[in-house]
Protein backbone atom coordinates (compact mmCIF):
# COMPACT_ATOMS: atom_id res chain seq x y z
CA PHE A 1 -91.66 -39.96 78.61
CA ILE A 2 -94.49 -40.62 81.01
CA ALA A 3 -98.03 -40.12 79.75
CA LYS A 4 -100.31 -38.10 82.02
CA PRO A 5 -104.09 -38.11 82.34
CA SER A 6 -105.94 -35.05 81.08
CA ARG A 7 -107.75 -32.84 83.59
CA VAL A 8 -111.09 -34.37 82.52
CA VAL A 9 -109.91 -37.93 83.16
CA ARG A 10 -108.14 -36.97 86.41
CA ASN A 11 -111.39 -35.53 87.82
CA SER A 12 -113.56 -38.46 86.71
CA SER A 13 -114.11 -41.97 88.02
CA LEU A 14 -112.41 -43.52 84.97
CA PRO A 15 -109.47 -45.91 85.53
CA LYS A 16 -106.20 -44.01 86.02
CA GLU A 17 -103.91 -46.52 84.25
CA ILE A 18 -102.56 -44.58 81.27
CA GLU A 19 -100.41 -45.85 78.39
CA GLY A 20 -98.50 -43.43 76.17
CA ASP A 21 -99.46 -43.14 72.50
CA GLY A 22 -95.88 -42.65 71.25
CA ASP A 23 -97.00 -39.61 69.27
CA LEU A 24 -95.86 -35.98 69.28
CA TRP A 25 -98.57 -33.43 70.12
CA TYR A 26 -97.92 -29.74 69.44
CA GLU A 27 -99.87 -26.71 70.60
CA VAL A 28 -101.42 -24.32 68.08
CA LEU A 29 -102.94 -20.99 69.13
CA LEU A 30 -105.77 -19.65 66.98
CA ARG A 31 -107.34 -16.21 67.25
CA SER A 32 -110.88 -15.41 66.10
CA LYS A 33 -110.93 -12.60 63.53
CA LYS A 34 -114.41 -11.63 64.67
CA THR A 35 -114.01 -11.57 68.48
CA GLY A 36 -110.23 -11.60 68.96
CA GLU A 37 -110.61 -14.54 71.35
CA GLU A 38 -107.61 -16.87 71.44
CA ARG A 39 -108.06 -20.65 71.66
CA SER A 40 -105.48 -23.37 72.25
CA PHE A 41 -105.52 -26.64 70.24
CA PHE A 42 -103.22 -29.65 70.36
CA CYS A 43 -102.49 -31.45 67.07
CA SER A 44 -101.14 -34.96 66.55
CA LYS A 45 -98.14 -35.17 64.23
CA LYS A 46 -98.95 -38.81 63.40
CA THR A 47 -102.71 -38.61 62.68
CA GLY A 48 -103.47 -34.89 62.35
CA GLN A 49 -106.18 -35.20 65.01
CA ARG A 50 -106.91 -31.93 66.84
CA VAL A 51 -108.25 -31.48 70.39
CA ARG A 52 -109.13 -28.28 72.29
CA ASP A 53 -107.62 -26.77 75.43
CA GLU A 54 -105.34 -29.59 76.67
CA PRO A 55 -103.41 -32.54 75.28
CA PRO A 56 -105.39 -35.79 75.29
CA THR A 57 -104.92 -38.45 77.94
CA GLY A 58 -101.97 -40.64 77.01
CA ALA A 59 -100.09 -37.98 75.03
CA SER A 60 -96.45 -39.06 75.35
CA ARG A 61 -94.65 -35.97 74.06
CA VAL A 62 -96.14 -32.48 74.07
CA ILE A 63 -94.67 -29.23 72.74
CA TYR A 64 -96.19 -26.11 74.31
CA LEU A 65 -95.92 -22.68 72.72
């Protein structure tokens, strides 16, 4: 699989050379009980790290819901 830069990195002046992390990232949708607002998170199967809105730069494999 080819790793892609995140939207933040793509729109910045950071170097565009990306290496894949070899990890599986899966999307989790959470809904606020108070407001009903839904938010998307991506979780790493290897480390358990969680990031909001889009998979991190270098994510090799991503499962979208």
